[in-house]
Amino acid sequence: MQINVSQLLKEPFGAERDYKINGAVNIMENGSLNTVQGNVRLTRTNRSILVKGRLSTTVDIDCARCLSTFGYPVVLNFEEEYFPAQAASGFDLPPDEDYLFTIDENRVIDLTEVIRQYALMAIPMKPLCSEDCKGL
């Protein structure tokens, strides 16, 4: 899920772009792809690109009681900043942090890791296939 932001970087602070997202992400890192759909808004700030999004997907997980696999619907509301990987972009660079999301040297942001992380946080620790699941 990559978006080229080269044109947005040329615009003044506060400029926005809206994008529809429809793609596949390996959320559970098990080889299966999950279809992710929704909208994201990119806003140019004085030091980064702010990405706000509302996406939805379905993740196949195991029930904590009966161990059957079922599709769990996940809605992701996120807001993350993407910082440039190099100072030549005209942005004020933030402190050197390893956890920051970056705009690569080709001026592309990759939403894959943000989607994966927010989806994993949205899955309950003990998912149930139904409220009245009797278990094994």
Protein backbone atom coordinates (compact mmCIF):
# COMPACT_ATOMS: atom_id res chain seq x y z
CA MET A 1 0.00 0.00 0.00
CA GLN A 2 2.25 2.74 -1.27
CA ILE A 3 1.35 6.34 -2.07
CA ASN A 4 3.59 8.72 -3.99
CA VAL A 5 3.65 12.09 -2.16
CA SER A 6 6.06 14.00 -4.43
CA GLN A 7 3.37 16.45 -5.61
CA LEU A 8 2.05 16.99 -2.10
CA LEU A 9 5.56 17.84 -0.90
CA LYS A 10 5.71 20.67 -3.45
CA GLU A 11 2.55 22.29 -2.08
CA PRO A 12 2.33 24.73 0.87
CA PHE A 13 1.75 23.60 4.45
CA GLY A 14 -1.84 22.55 5.05
CA ALA A 15 -2.37 21.09 1.57
CA GLU A 16 -4.44 17.89 1.62
CA ARG A 17 -5.05 14.92 -0.62
CA ASP A 18 -7.68 12.19 -0.22
CA TYR A 19 -7.11 8.63 -1.41
CA LYS A 20 -9.29 5.54 -1.61
CA ILE A 21 -7.52 2.42 -0.42
CA ASN A 22 -8.31 -1.03 -1.77
CA GLY A 23 -5.53 -3.56 -1.47
CA ALA A 24 -4.15 -6.58 0.30
CA VAL A 25 -1.99 -6.70 3.44
CA ASN A 26 -0.52 -9.69 5.27
CA ILE A 27 -1.75 -8.68 8.74
CA MET A 28 -1.14 -11.90 10.66
CA GLU A 29 2.20 -12.59 8.92
CA ASN A 30 1.05 -16.10 8.08
CA GLY A 31 1.14 -15.79 4.31
CA SER A 32 -2.56 -15.05 3.84
CA LEU A 33 -3.55 -11.63 2.53
CA ASN A 34 -6.38 -9.57 3.97
CA THR A 35 -8.30 -7.14 1.75
CA VAL A 36 -8.22 -3.65 3.23
CA GLN A 37 -10.61 -0.91 2.06
CA GLY A 38 -11.31 2.66 3.11
CA ASN A 39 -10.11 6.23 2.84
CA VAL A 40 -7.02 8.12 3.93
CA ARG A 41 -6.30 11.85 4.02
CA LEU A 42 -2.74 13.11 3.67
CA THR A 43 -1.90 16.58 5.00
CA ARG A 44 1.40 18.37 4.50
CA THR A 45 2.75 19.87 7.73
CA ASN A 46 5.89 21.89 8.37
CA ARG A 47 7.88 18.75 9.17
CA SER A 48 6.00 15.72 7.89
CA ILE A 49 3.03 14.22 6.08
CA LEU A 50 0.15 13.53 8.46
CA VAL A 51 -1.90 10.50 7.46
CA LYS A 52 -5.41 10.03 8.87
CA GLY A 53 -7.41 7.02 7.82
CA ARG A 54 -10.46 4.87 8.34
CA LEU A 55 -10.05 1.39 6.92
CA SER A 56 -11.81 -1.92 7.33
CA THR A 57 -10.85 -5.54 6.83
CA THR A 58 -11.66 -9.05 8.02
CA VAL A 59 -9.02 -11.14 9.79
CA ASP A 60 -9.23 -14.92 10.14
CA ILE A 61 -8.55 -15.82 13.79
CA ASP A 62 -9.24 -18.75 16.13
CA CYS A 63 -11.99 -18.69 18.73
CA ALA A 64 -10.61 -18.76 22.28
CA ARG A 65 -13.28 -21.26 23.41
CA CYS A 66 -13.92 -23.72 20.56
CA LEU A 67 -10.73 -23.12 18.52
CA SER A 68 -12.65 -22.80 15.25
CA THR A 69 -11.39 -20.25 12.74
CA PHE A 70 -13.72 -17.37 11.91
CA GLY A 71 -13.61 -14.00 10.15
CA TYR A 72 -13.33 -11.13 12.62
CA PRO A 73 -14.28 -7.70 11.20
CA VAL A 74 -11.76 -4.97 12.05
CA VAL A 75 -12.23 -1.22 11.65
CA LEU A 76 -9.06 0.86 11.82
CA ASN A 77 -9.03 4.54 12.71
CA PHE A 78 -5.48 5.81 12.68
CA GLU A 79 -3.41 8.96 12.59
CA GLU A 80 0.34 8.78 11.98
CA GLU A 81 3.10 11.11 10.85
CA TYR A 82 5.54 10.17 8.12
CA PHE A 83 8.88 11.95 8.31
CA PRO A 84 11.38 12.38 5.47
CA ALA A 85 14.29 9.99 5.34
CA GLN A 86 16.63 12.83 4.36
CA ALA A 87 17.01 16.50 5.25
CA ALA A 88 17.04 17.72 1.63
CA SER A 89 13.24 17.53 1.51
CA GLY A 90 12.78 20.95 3.13
CA PHE A 91 11.26 19.59 6.33
CA ASP A 92 12.58 20.15 9.84
CA LEU A 93 13.80 16.73 10.87
CA PRO A 94 12.56 15.25 14.18
CA PRO A 95 14.90 13.70 16.73
CA ASP A 96 16.45 10.46 15.52
CA GLU A 97 13.93 7.79 16.50
CA ASP A 98 13.80 4.23 15.23
CA TYR A 99 10.04 3.90 15.52
CA LEU A 100 9.16 6.73 13.12
CA PHE A 101 7.45 6.05 9.81
CA THR A 102 9.39 7.58 6.94
CA ILE A 103 8.95 8.97 3.46
CA ASP A 104 11.54 7.14 1.37
CA GLU A 105 14.03 8.74 -1.03
CA ASN A 106 11.57 8.19 -3.91
CA ARG A 107 9.00 10.28 -1.99
CA VAL A 108 6.72 7.32 -1.35
CA ILE A 109 5.01 6.40 1.89
CA ASP A 110 4.13 2.80 2.66
CA LEU A 111 0.97 2.25 4.73
CA THR A 112 1.47 -1.51 5.08
CA GLU A 113 3.16 -1.47 8.50
CA VAL A 114 0.73 1.09 9.95
CA ILE A 115 -2.23 -1.00 8.79
CA ARG A 116 -0.69 -4.19 10.17
CA GLN A 117 0.09 -2.67 13.57
CA TYR A 118 -3.32 -1.03 14.04
CA ALA A 119 -5.13 -4.21 12.93
CA LEU A 120 -3.19 -6.33 15.42
CA MET A 121 -4.10 -3.90 18.21
CA ALA A 122 -7.79 -4.06 17.24
CA ILE A 123 -8.02 -7.85 17.57
CA PRO A 124 -9.22 -8.90 21.05
CA MET A 125 -6.95 -11.00 23.24
CA LYS A 126 -9.63 -13.69 23.60
CA PRO A 127 -11.75 -13.57 20.45
CA LEU A 128 -15.05 -15.43 20.40
CA CYS A 129 -16.77 -16.74 17.27
CA SER A 130 -20.11 -15.87 18.93
CA GLU A 131 -21.29 -14.62 22.32
CA ASP A 132 -22.93 -17.95 23.12
CA CYS A 133 -19.99 -20.15 22.05
CA LYS A 134 -20.01 -23.20 24.33
CA GLY A 135 -16.37 -24.08 23.71
CA LEU A 136 -14.96 -27.54 23.25
